[in-house]
Each structure stands twice: as structure tokens, then as C-alpha cells.
Amino acid sequence: MKQQGFTLIELVVVIIILGILAVTAAPKFINLQSDARQSTLAGMKGALQGANSLVFSKAAIDGVETESSQDVEIATGFSIELDYGYIKSFADEAETISNLEVALDMSFEALAAADTLTTEDWGVRSTATVITFVPKGKASDGDCRLVYTAASEAADVITIPSYVIVDTDC
């Protein structure tokens, strides 16, 4: 008798081997949490750029886009402190967060140290010139963050803000 096709045992063995390969290989190809954090960072970058575009327009209307430490009222009772027309960074996280919460209409957690993990949706660490945004569950000294460098002036030349996403460990 001539055999055609696979036996039932051969079929079961092949299915088991394919199942084992799928279970071990799938996490390497599908890392949804990492992709979500990377997208979140890109979304925050876009929100920050959009807010800066709007407040710069308001600063230009008020004629203060070339000055440092200027308050610009964006709505009745709501003002943002700007440097050269863009959202300002403060050495004190509380001041930075207060400014950002008005500009972006969202809440942030002040991170006490660079290795502190964020428990809220967004954590913030700041210096006088740099704001570091960190998504939930990450630390500002890790490789999953958005680094905003505020506008500055040197030799009468204003440098616009920069936005750098570091996402190698999201």
C-alpha cells in the first residue's frame, strides 16, 4: 500500500512545533507596550509643538516674542510665562508644572530625583533650560523620554526650542 500525505502523529508534531515557535517568537515581533509608549512620546511632542506655536502667535500679537520672562494671557485669568515667545522652563519643577498645566491643559507629576519612576500619566523634571517629560512607569534618567530645550538667546540670536525623543528603552 502506497502512503500519501502525513500521518496523524506527524501532523500533531508539526502543529506542536509551530505552536512553540509562535509562543517564543511572537513577543520579539509584537511589543505593544513599547510601541504605545513611543506613540505617547510622539503625541506629547506634537502637543507641545502645537501649544508653542499658539503661544508664540499670541506673544507676537502682544509684541513680546523677542523678550525673555514675559507673561502672556491666553484666556481670561490664564497666563503662561514665556521666553522669547515659547513656553519657559524653570529650575523649580512646581513652577514648570504650573506653566505646563495651563499651556497643555493636562496634569503632571514632579519627579523628585532622576531615577524616580513616574506613577501618574506624565512625570516632569526641569532645569532652567530643559524640561524632561517621562511616561508612566519610567524615570527621567532612562531611555524613554521627551527632552524639551527651551528657547534661548546668545549674541542677539534667538534659538527656537528643540524637541528630542529618546525611545530606545520604552
Foldseek 3Di string as FASTA:
>chain_A
DDDDDDDPVVVVVVVVVVVVCCVVCVCVVDVPVLVVLVVVLVVVVVLQVVLLVVQLVQCVVVPCLQAAQDWGAPDVPAIATAGNRGHFFAQDVVNSQSRVCSSRVDHEAEAPDQAGAAQDQWYWHTHRFKIKIAGHGGGNVDQAIKIKGCWDDDPSDIDHIDIDGRRPPD
